[in-house]
Amino acid sequence: MGEAIKLDRTDLDAAGGVLTIRHTKFDKFRELPLHPSTIDALADYGRVRDRACPHPSTPSLLVSIVGTRLIYKNVHHTWLDLVRQAGLRPRSPRCGPRIHDLRHRFAITTLLGWYQGGADIPARLPQLSTYLGHVDPGSTYWYLHGAPELLSLAAQRLETHQEASR
């Protein structure tokens, strides 16, 4: 969420389909290719934003209703409201749906698609790590543990490999 809050309008290249993330951990930057549906959604947001706030006080891509850069605490509060409205319930008092869980789900969904498509996972994992802004795949593994559907596909691939080796 912190990276999204820091985005400026100039960080989005809608024509090129790329979002530039600047000043991340370790003061690095990365360019993320975006799906056309994401570009369309951001363009729709931009039109609504510009009508609602034609003269914002910030170059921020995402703005508050008064045209200022978003504040983490307020975004978190809005997230909690949306979670309640959607009827999502925490698994335990200490483990509720978190906005950061969206990153986990993105990582798992990406890996599932690669497994289902027969991709070379070890070769592709550095791409996922870079997309997520991780220094190396070791940091990404924390996002991938304990997903039953992912473990099932990995086990199937291992079995297929072992059968082919016999």
N, C-alpha and C. Protein backbone atom coordinates (compact mmCIF):
# COMPACT_ATOMS: atom_id res chain seq x y z
N MET A 1 0.83 -1.18 0.00
CA MET A 1 0.00 0.00 0.00
C MET A 1 0.87 1.25 0.00
N GLY A 2 2.00 1.18 0.68
CA GLY A 2 2.88 2.33 0.74
C GLY A 2 3.37 2.75 -0.64
N GLU A 3 3.68 1.76 -1.47
CA GLU A 3 4.15 2.08 -2.82
C GLU A 3 3.04 2.75 -3.63
N ALA A 4 1.82 2.29 -3.49
CA ALA A 4 0.70 2.87 -4.24
C ALA A 4 0.46 4.32 -3.81
N ILE A 5 0.55 4.58 -2.52
CA ILE A 5 0.34 5.94 -2.00
C ILE A 5 1.40 6.89 -2.54
N LYS A 6 2.61 6.41 -2.75
CA LYS A 6 3.72 7.26 -3.21
C LYS A 6 3.68 7.54 -4.72
N LEU A 7 2.82 6.85 -5.47
CA LEU A 7 2.79 7.02 -6.92
C LEU A 7 2.38 8.43 -7.31
N ASP A 8 3.07 8.97 -8.30
CA ASP A 8 2.68 10.24 -8.90
C ASP A 8 2.10 9.96 -10.29
N ARG A 9 1.39 10.94 -10.82
CA ARG A 9 0.77 10.77 -12.14
C ARG A 9 1.80 10.42 -13.20
N THR A 10 2.99 10.98 -13.10
CA THR A 10 4.03 10.73 -14.09
C THR A 10 4.59 9.31 -14.00
N ASP A 11 4.26 8.59 -12.95
CA ASP A 11 4.73 7.20 -12.81
C ASP A 11 3.93 6.23 -13.67
N LEU A 12 2.80 6.67 -14.17
CA LEU A 12 1.96 5.83 -15.02
C LEU A 12 2.15 6.21 -16.48
N ASP A 13 2.63 5.26 -17.26
CA ASP A 13 2.73 5.41 -18.71
C ASP A 13 1.62 4.56 -19.31
N ALA A 14 0.44 5.15 -19.45
CA ALA A 14 -0.71 4.39 -19.93
C ALA A 14 -0.50 3.90 -21.36
N ALA A 15 0.10 4.73 -22.20
CA ALA A 15 0.33 4.33 -23.59
C ALA A 15 1.28 3.13 -23.67
N GLY A 16 2.28 3.11 -22.82
CA GLY A 16 3.24 2.00 -22.81
C GLY A 16 2.82 0.85 -21.93
N GLY A 17 1.78 1.06 -21.13
CA GLY A 17 1.31 0.00 -20.24
C GLY A 17 2.26 -0.32 -19.11
N VAL A 18 2.95 0.71 -18.60
CA VAL A 18 3.97 0.49 -17.58
C VAL A 18 3.76 1.45 -16.40
N LEU A 19 3.96 0.92 -15.21
CA LEU A 19 3.92 1.71 -13.99
C LEU A 19 5.32 1.70 -13.38
N THR A 20 5.84 2.86 -13.06
CA THR A 20 7.17 2.95 -12.46
C THR A 20 7.02 3.16 -10.95
N ILE A 21 7.61 2.26 -10.20
CA ILE A 21 7.62 2.36 -8.75
C ILE A 21 8.98 2.94 -8.36
N ARG A 22 8.96 4.08 -7.68
CA ARG A 22 10.20 4.77 -7.30
C ARG A 22 10.41 4.74 -5.79
N HIS A 23 11.65 4.87 -5.42
CA HIS A 23 12.03 5.01 -4.01
C HIS A 23 11.43 3.91 -3.14
N THR A 24 11.68 2.67 -3.54
CA THR A 24 11.22 1.53 -2.77
C THR A 24 12.24 1.24 -1.68
N LYS A 25 12.10 0.09 -1.05
CA LYS A 25 13.11 -0.31 -0.07
C LYS A 25 14.48 -0.28 -0.75
N PHE A 26 15.46 0.12 -0.04
CA PHE A 26 16.83 0.22 -0.53
C PHE A 26 16.95 1.25 -1.66
N ASP A 27 15.98 2.19 -1.74
CA ASP A 27 15.95 3.29 -2.71
C ASP A 27 16.11 2.82 -4.15
N LYS A 28 15.43 1.74 -4.49
CA LYS A 28 15.46 1.22 -5.86
C LYS A 28 14.19 1.65 -6.59
N PHE A 29 14.15 1.37 -7.88
CA PHE A 29 12.91 1.57 -8.64
C PHE A 29 12.74 0.37 -9.56
N ARG A 30 11.50 0.17 -9.99
CA ARG A 30 11.22 -0.90 -10.93
C ARG A 30 10.06 -0.48 -11.83
N GLU A 31 10.03 -1.07 -13.00
CA GLU A 31 8.95 -0.81 -13.94
C GLU A 31 8.09 -2.05 -14.04
N LEU A 32 6.79 -1.87 -13.89
CA LEU A 32 5.86 -2.99 -13.89
C LEU A 32 4.97 -2.94 -15.12
N PRO A 33 4.97 -4.01 -15.91
CA PRO A 33 4.00 -4.06 -17.01
C PRO A 33 2.62 -4.27 -16.42
N LEU A 34 1.64 -3.58 -16.98
CA LEU A 34 0.27 -3.67 -16.48
C LEU A 34 -0.63 -4.33 -17.51
N HIS A 35 -1.58 -5.08 -17.03
CA HIS A 35 -2.57 -5.70 -17.90
C HIS A 35 -3.45 -4.59 -18.49
N PRO A 36 -3.91 -4.74 -19.74
CA PRO A 36 -4.76 -3.70 -20.34
C PRO A 36 -5.99 -3.36 -19.49
N SER A 37 -6.55 -4.33 -18.79
CA SER A 37 -7.71 -4.03 -17.93
C SER A 37 -7.32 -3.11 -16.77
N THR A 38 -6.08 -3.23 -16.31
CA THR A 38 -5.60 -2.35 -15.24
C THR A 38 -5.40 -0.94 -15.77
N ILE A 39 -4.85 -0.84 -16.97
CA ILE A 39 -4.70 0.48 -17.60
C ILE A 39 -6.06 1.13 -17.77
N ASP A 40 -7.05 0.37 -18.23
CA ASP A 40 -8.41 0.90 -18.40
C ASP A 40 -8.99 1.37 -17.07
N ALA A 41 -8.81 0.56 -16.03
CA ALA A 41 -9.34 0.93 -14.71
C ALA A 41 -8.67 2.20 -14.19
N LEU A 42 -7.36 2.32 -14.38
CA LEU A 42 -6.65 3.52 -13.94
C LEU A 42 -7.08 4.74 -14.76
N ALA A 43 -7.34 4.55 -16.05
CA ALA A 43 -7.83 5.66 -16.88
C ALA A 43 -9.21 6.11 -16.41
N ASP A 44 -10.09 5.15 -16.10
CA ASP A 44 -11.42 5.49 -15.57
C ASP A 44 -11.29 6.25 -14.26
N TYR A 45 -10.42 5.76 -13.38
CA TYR A 45 -10.19 6.44 -12.10
C TYR A 45 -9.70 7.87 -12.35
N GLY A 46 -8.76 8.02 -13.28
CA GLY A 46 -8.21 9.34 -13.57
C GLY A 46 -9.27 10.32 -14.03
N ARG A 47 -10.20 9.86 -14.86
CA ARG A 47 -11.28 10.74 -15.33
C ARG A 47 -12.17 11.17 -14.16
N VAL A 48 -12.53 10.23 -13.30
CA VAL A 48 -13.36 10.56 -12.13
C VAL A 48 -12.60 11.49 -11.20
N ARG A 49 -11.32 11.17 -10.95
CA ARG A 49 -10.49 12.01 -10.08
C ARG A 49 -10.41 13.43 -10.61
N ASP A 50 -10.17 13.58 -11.91
CA ASP A 50 -9.99 14.92 -12.49
C ASP A 50 -11.29 15.73 -12.49
N ARG A 51 -12.43 15.05 -12.63
CA ARG A 51 -13.72 15.76 -12.54
C ARG A 51 -13.98 16.19 -11.10
N ALA A 52 -13.70 15.31 -10.15
CA ALA A 52 -13.98 15.61 -8.74
C ALA A 52 -12.99 16.62 -8.17
N CYS A 53 -11.78 16.58 -8.67
CA CYS A 53 -10.74 17.46 -8.12
C CYS A 53 -9.84 17.95 -9.27
N PRO A 54 -10.31 18.94 -10.01
CA PRO A 54 -9.56 19.39 -11.19
C PRO A 54 -8.22 20.06 -10.87
N HIS A 55 -8.05 20.53 -9.65
CA HIS A 55 -6.80 21.22 -9.28
C HIS A 55 -6.26 20.65 -7.97
N PRO A 56 -5.75 19.41 -8.00
CA PRO A 56 -5.26 18.80 -6.77
C PRO A 56 -4.01 19.52 -6.25
N SER A 57 -3.76 19.39 -4.99
CA SER A 57 -2.60 20.05 -4.38
C SER A 57 -1.36 19.16 -4.39
N THR A 58 -1.43 18.06 -5.13
CA THR A 58 -0.33 17.09 -5.15
C THR A 58 -0.23 16.47 -6.54
N PRO A 59 0.95 16.03 -6.92
CA PRO A 59 1.09 15.31 -8.19
C PRO A 59 0.70 13.83 -8.06
N SER A 60 0.18 13.45 -6.91
CA SER A 60 -0.14 12.06 -6.62
C SER A 60 -1.11 11.46 -7.63
N LEU A 61 -0.87 10.21 -8.00
CA LEU A 61 -1.78 9.49 -8.90
C LEU A 61 -3.11 9.22 -8.20
N LEU A 62 -3.04 8.81 -6.95
CA LEU A 62 -4.22 8.50 -6.16
C LEU A 62 -4.40 9.61 -5.13
N VAL A 63 -5.58 10.21 -5.11
CA VAL A 63 -5.78 11.35 -4.21
C VAL A 63 -7.01 11.14 -3.33
N SER A 64 -7.03 11.89 -2.25
CA SER A 64 -8.18 11.90 -1.34
C SER A 64 -9.31 12.72 -1.98
N ILE A 65 -10.43 12.75 -1.32
CA ILE A 65 -11.57 13.51 -1.88
C ILE A 65 -11.32 15.02 -1.88
N VAL A 66 -10.30 15.48 -1.14
CA VAL A 66 -9.97 16.91 -1.16
C VAL A 66 -8.72 17.20 -2.00
N GLY A 67 -8.24 16.18 -2.72
CA GLY A 67 -7.13 16.40 -3.65
C GLY A 67 -5.74 16.32 -3.06
N THR A 68 -5.61 15.72 -1.89
CA THR A 68 -4.30 15.56 -1.27
C THR A 68 -3.83 14.10 -1.43
N ARG A 69 -2.54 13.91 -1.21
CA ARG A 69 -2.00 12.55 -1.25
C ARG A 69 -2.66 11.72 -0.16
N LEU A 70 -2.91 10.45 -0.46
CA LEU A 70 -3.53 9.57 0.52
C LEU A 70 -2.63 9.37 1.73
N ILE A 71 -3.26 9.13 2.86
CA ILE A 71 -2.55 8.88 4.11
C ILE A 71 -2.79 7.41 4.47
N TYR A 72 -1.72 6.74 4.84
CA TYR A 72 -1.77 5.29 5.11
C TYR A 72 -2.91 4.95 6.08
N LYS A 73 -3.00 5.67 7.17
CA LYS A 73 -4.02 5.39 8.19
C LYS A 73 -5.43 5.45 7.62
N ASN A 74 -5.69 6.45 6.77
CA ASN A 74 -7.01 6.59 6.18
C ASN A 74 -7.31 5.47 5.18
N VAL A 75 -6.31 5.07 4.40
CA VAL A 75 -6.50 3.96 3.46
C VAL A 75 -6.79 2.69 4.24
N HIS A 76 -6.06 2.48 5.32
CA HIS A 76 -6.28 1.29 6.15
C HIS A 76 -7.70 1.29 6.72
N HIS A 77 -8.15 2.43 7.18
CA HIS A 77 -9.51 2.54 7.73
C HIS A 77 -10.55 2.22 6.65
N THR A 78 -10.34 2.75 5.44
CA THR A 78 -11.26 2.48 4.32
C THR A 78 -11.25 0.99 3.99
N TRP A 79 -10.06 0.37 4.00
CA TRP A 79 -9.95 -1.07 3.76
C TRP A 79 -10.80 -1.85 4.77
N LEU A 80 -10.68 -1.49 6.04
CA LEU A 80 -11.46 -2.19 7.07
C LEU A 80 -12.96 -2.01 6.84
N ASP A 81 -13.37 -0.83 6.42
CA ASP A 81 -14.79 -0.60 6.09
C ASP A 81 -15.23 -1.50 4.94
N LEU A 82 -14.42 -1.59 3.91
CA LEU A 82 -14.75 -2.43 2.75
C LEU A 82 -14.81 -3.91 3.14
N VAL A 83 -13.90 -4.33 3.99
CA VAL A 83 -13.90 -5.73 4.46
C VAL A 83 -15.21 -6.02 5.19
N ARG A 84 -15.62 -5.12 6.06
CA ARG A 84 -16.88 -5.31 6.80
C ARG A 84 -18.07 -5.32 5.84
N GLN A 85 -18.10 -4.38 4.90
CA GLN A 85 -19.21 -4.31 3.95
C GLN A 85 -19.30 -5.57 3.10
N ALA A 86 -18.15 -6.16 2.78
CA ALA A 86 -18.12 -7.38 1.97
C ALA A 86 -18.48 -8.62 2.79
N GLY A 87 -18.56 -8.45 4.11
CA GLY A 87 -18.91 -9.57 4.97
C GLY A 87 -17.76 -10.52 5.23
N LEU A 88 -16.54 -10.09 4.99
CA LEU A 88 -15.38 -10.94 5.25
C LEU A 88 -15.13 -11.00 6.75
N ARG A 89 -14.84 -12.15 7.23
CA ARG A 89 -14.61 -12.35 8.66
C ARG A 89 -13.18 -12.83 8.91
N PRO A 90 -12.59 -12.40 10.02
CA PRO A 90 -11.24 -12.88 10.34
C PRO A 90 -11.27 -14.36 10.70
N ARG A 91 -10.17 -15.05 10.40
CA ARG A 91 -10.05 -16.47 10.78
C ARG A 91 -9.88 -16.60 12.29
N SER A 92 -9.33 -15.57 12.89
CA SER A 92 -9.14 -15.55 14.34
C SER A 92 -9.08 -14.08 14.76
N PRO A 93 -9.15 -13.80 16.07
CA PRO A 93 -9.10 -12.40 16.51
C PRO A 93 -7.83 -11.66 16.06
N ARG A 94 -6.75 -12.41 15.86
CA ARG A 94 -5.48 -11.79 15.48
C ARG A 94 -5.20 -11.89 13.98
N CYS A 95 -6.08 -12.51 13.22
CA CYS A 95 -5.79 -12.77 11.81
C CYS A 95 -6.98 -12.38 10.94
N GLY A 96 -7.12 -11.08 10.71
CA GLY A 96 -8.20 -10.62 9.87
C GLY A 96 -7.72 -10.38 8.45
N PRO A 97 -8.64 -10.18 7.51
CA PRO A 97 -8.22 -9.84 6.16
C PRO A 97 -7.42 -8.53 6.17
N ARG A 98 -6.23 -8.58 5.59
CA ARG A 98 -5.35 -7.40 5.56
C ARG A 98 -5.17 -6.97 4.11
N ILE A 99 -4.94 -5.71 3.90
CA ILE A 99 -4.72 -5.23 2.55
C ILE A 99 -3.49 -5.90 1.95
N HIS A 100 -2.52 -6.22 2.78
CA HIS A 100 -1.29 -6.87 2.30
C HIS A 100 -1.59 -8.28 1.77
N ASP A 101 -2.70 -8.88 2.19
CA ASP A 101 -3.08 -10.21 1.69
C ASP A 101 -3.31 -10.19 0.18
N LEU A 102 -3.61 -9.02 -0.37
CA LEU A 102 -3.78 -8.93 -1.83
C LEU A 102 -2.48 -9.25 -2.55
N ARG A 103 -1.35 -8.84 -1.98
CA ARG A 103 -0.05 -9.17 -2.57
C ARG A 103 0.20 -10.68 -2.50
N HIS A 104 -0.16 -11.27 -1.36
CA HIS A 104 0.00 -12.72 -1.22
C HIS A 104 -0.83 -13.44 -2.28
N ARG A 105 -2.08 -13.01 -2.42
CA ARG A 105 -2.97 -13.66 -3.39
C ARG A 105 -2.46 -13.48 -4.82
N PHE A 106 -1.94 -12.29 -5.12
CA PHE A 106 -1.37 -12.06 -6.44
C PHE A 106 -0.21 -13.03 -6.70
N ALA A 107 0.67 -13.18 -5.73
CA ALA A 107 1.82 -14.07 -5.89
C ALA A 107 1.36 -15.51 -6.10
N ILE A 108 0.42 -15.95 -5.30
CA ILE A 108 -0.06 -17.33 -5.40
C ILE A 108 -0.79 -17.55 -6.73
N THR A 109 -1.63 -16.62 -7.11
CA THR A 109 -2.37 -16.75 -8.37
C THR A 109 -1.43 -16.78 -9.57
N THR A 110 -0.41 -15.94 -9.53
CA THR A 110 0.59 -15.93 -10.60
C THR A 110 1.29 -17.27 -10.70
N LEU A 111 1.72 -17.79 -9.57
CA LEU A 111 2.41 -19.08 -9.55
C LEU A 111 1.49 -20.21 -9.99
N LEU A 112 0.24 -20.18 -9.56
CA LEU A 112 -0.72 -21.20 -10.00
C LEU A 112 -0.87 -21.19 -11.52
N GLY A 113 -0.97 -20.01 -12.08
CA GLY A 113 -1.08 -19.91 -13.54
C GLY A 113 0.15 -20.46 -14.24
N TRP A 114 1.31 -20.21 -13.67
CA TRP A 114 2.54 -20.75 -14.26
C TRP A 114 2.57 -22.27 -14.18
N TYR A 115 2.21 -22.82 -13.02
CA TYR A 115 2.16 -24.28 -12.88
C TYR A 115 1.17 -24.88 -13.88
N GLN A 116 -0.01 -24.29 -13.95
CA GLN A 116 -1.04 -24.83 -14.84
C GLN A 116 -0.63 -24.71 -16.30
N GLY A 117 0.17 -23.71 -16.61
CA GLY A 117 0.64 -23.52 -17.98
C GLY A 117 1.91 -24.28 -18.29
N GLY A 118 2.45 -25.01 -17.31
CA GLY A 118 3.66 -25.81 -17.54
C GLY A 118 4.94 -24.99 -17.58
N ALA A 119 4.92 -23.80 -17.00
CA ALA A 119 6.10 -22.93 -17.03
C ALA A 119 7.25 -23.50 -16.21
N ASP A 120 8.43 -23.05 -16.52
CA ASP A 120 9.63 -23.40 -15.76
C ASP A 120 9.65 -22.48 -14.53
N ILE A 121 9.15 -23.00 -13.42
CA ILE A 121 8.96 -22.17 -12.21
C ILE A 121 10.27 -21.58 -11.70
N PRO A 122 11.33 -22.37 -11.53
CA PRO A 122 12.58 -21.75 -11.04
C PRO A 122 13.09 -20.62 -11.93
N ALA A 123 12.85 -20.74 -13.24
CA ALA A 123 13.30 -19.68 -14.15
C ALA A 123 12.42 -18.44 -14.04
N ARG A 124 11.14 -18.61 -13.74
CA ARG A 124 10.20 -17.49 -13.70
C ARG A 124 10.13 -16.81 -12.33
N LEU A 125 10.50 -17.51 -11.27
CA LEU A 125 10.36 -16.95 -9.92
C LEU A 125 11.10 -15.62 -9.73
N PRO A 126 12.29 -15.44 -10.31
CA PRO A 126 12.93 -14.12 -10.17
C PRO A 126 12.09 -12.99 -10.77
N GLN A 127 11.31 -13.28 -11.81
CA GLN A 127 10.43 -12.26 -12.39
C GLN A 127 9.35 -11.86 -11.39
N LEU A 128 8.76 -12.84 -10.74
CA LEU A 128 7.73 -12.55 -9.73
C LEU A 128 8.34 -11.75 -8.58
N SER A 129 9.52 -12.16 -8.15
CA SER A 129 10.20 -11.44 -7.06
C SER A 129 10.44 -9.98 -7.43
N THR A 130 10.91 -9.75 -8.64
CA THR A 130 11.15 -8.38 -9.10
C THR A 130 9.86 -7.59 -9.15
N TYR A 131 8.81 -8.21 -9.68
CA TYR A 131 7.51 -7.53 -9.78
C TYR A 131 7.02 -7.09 -8.40
N LEU A 132 7.22 -7.97 -7.42
CA LEU A 132 6.78 -7.66 -6.06
C LEU A 132 7.74 -6.72 -5.32
N GLY A 133 8.91 -6.48 -5.92
CA GLY A 133 9.88 -5.58 -5.29
C GLY A 133 10.79 -6.27 -4.30
N HIS A 134 10.88 -7.58 -4.38
CA HIS A 134 11.75 -8.33 -3.48
C HIS A 134 13.17 -8.38 -4.03
N VAL A 135 14.13 -8.45 -3.14
CA VAL A 135 15.53 -8.47 -3.53
C VAL A 135 15.88 -9.79 -4.23
N ASP A 136 15.29 -10.88 -3.76
CA ASP A 136 15.57 -12.19 -4.36
C ASP A 136 14.38 -13.12 -4.13
N PRO A 137 14.33 -14.26 -4.84
CA PRO A 137 13.20 -15.18 -4.68
C PRO A 137 13.02 -15.69 -3.25
N GLY A 138 14.06 -15.73 -2.46
CA GLY A 138 13.93 -16.17 -1.08
C GLY A 138 12.93 -15.34 -0.31
N SER A 139 12.86 -14.05 -0.60
CA SER A 139 11.89 -13.19 0.06
C SER A 139 10.47 -13.47 -0.42
N THR A 140 10.34 -13.95 -1.64
CA THR A 140 9.03 -14.23 -2.22
C THR A 140 8.44 -15.52 -1.67
N TYR A 141 9.28 -16.46 -1.27
CA TYR A 141 8.78 -17.74 -0.77
C TYR A 141 7.82 -17.56 0.40
N TRP A 142 8.01 -16.51 1.20
CA TRP A 142 7.11 -16.28 2.34
C TRP A 142 5.68 -16.03 1.88
N TYR A 143 5.52 -15.51 0.69
CA TYR A 143 4.19 -15.26 0.16
C TYR A 143 3.51 -16.53 -0.32
N LEU A 144 4.29 -17.57 -0.54
CA LEU A 144 3.79 -18.75 -1.24
C LEU A 144 3.52 -19.94 -0.34
N HIS A 145 3.90 -19.88 0.90
CA HIS A 145 3.76 -21.05 1.77
C HIS A 145 2.30 -21.29 2.17
N GLY A 146 2.00 -22.54 2.33
CA GLY A 146 0.70 -22.92 2.89
C GLY A 146 -0.50 -22.76 1.99
N ALA A 147 -0.32 -22.58 0.70
CA ALA A 147 -1.47 -22.49 -0.21
C ALA A 147 -1.76 -23.89 -0.73
N PRO A 148 -2.85 -24.52 -0.26
CA PRO A 148 -3.12 -25.92 -0.61
C PRO A 148 -3.14 -26.17 -2.12
N GLU A 149 -3.77 -25.28 -2.89
CA GLU A 149 -3.84 -25.50 -4.32
C GLU A 149 -2.47 -25.46 -4.98
N LEU A 150 -1.59 -24.62 -4.44
CA LEU A 150 -0.24 -24.51 -4.96
C LEU A 150 0.57 -25.75 -4.60
N LEU A 151 0.42 -26.20 -3.36
CA LEU A 151 1.14 -27.40 -2.93
C LEU A 151 0.68 -28.62 -3.72
N SER A 152 -0.60 -28.68 -4.05
CA SER A 152 -1.12 -29.80 -4.84
C SER A 152 -0.50 -29.83 -6.23
N LEU A 153 -0.44 -28.67 -6.88
CA LEU A 153 0.16 -28.61 -8.22
C LEU A 153 1.64 -28.93 -8.18
N ALA A 154 2.34 -28.45 -7.16
CA ALA A 154 3.77 -28.77 -7.03
C ALA A 154 3.97 -30.26 -6.82
N ALA A 155 3.12 -30.88 -6.01
CA ALA A 155 3.22 -32.32 -5.78
C ALA A 155 2.96 -33.10 -7.06
N GLN A 156 1.96 -32.67 -7.83
CA GLN A 156 1.67 -33.33 -9.11
C GLN A 156 2.85 -33.24 -10.06
N ARG A 157 3.47 -32.08 -10.10
CA ARG A 157 4.62 -31.91 -10.99
C ARG A 157 5.77 -32.79 -10.53
N LEU A 158 5.98 -32.90 -9.23
CA LEU A 158 7.04 -33.76 -8.70
C LEU A 158 6.77 -35.22 -9.05
N GLU A 159 5.53 -35.66 -8.88
CA GLU A 159 5.18 -37.04 -9.22
C GLU A 159 5.41 -37.32 -10.70
N THR A 160 5.02 -36.40 -11.55
CA THR A 160 5.21 -36.57 -12.99
C THR A 160 6.70 -36.68 -13.31
N HIS A 161 7.49 -35.83 -12.67
CA HIS A 161 8.94 -35.86 -12.87
C HIS A 161 9.54 -37.19 -12.40
N GLN A 162 9.10 -37.65 -11.24
CA GLN A 162 9.63 -38.92 -10.71
C GLN A 162 9.23 -40.10 -11.60
N GLU A 163 8.00 -40.09 -12.10
CA GLU A 163 7.57 -41.17 -13.00
C GLU A 163 8.37 -41.17 -14.29
N ALA A 164 8.68 -39.98 -14.81
CA ALA A 164 9.45 -39.89 -16.04
C ALA A 164 10.89 -40.32 -15.84
N SER A 165 11.39 -40.21 -14.59
CA SER A 165 12.77 -40.58 -14.29
C SER A 165 12.94 -42.08 -14.12
N ARG A 166 11.86 -42.83 -13.97
CA ARG A 166 11.96 -44.27 -13.73
C ARG A 166 12.25 -45.03 -14.96
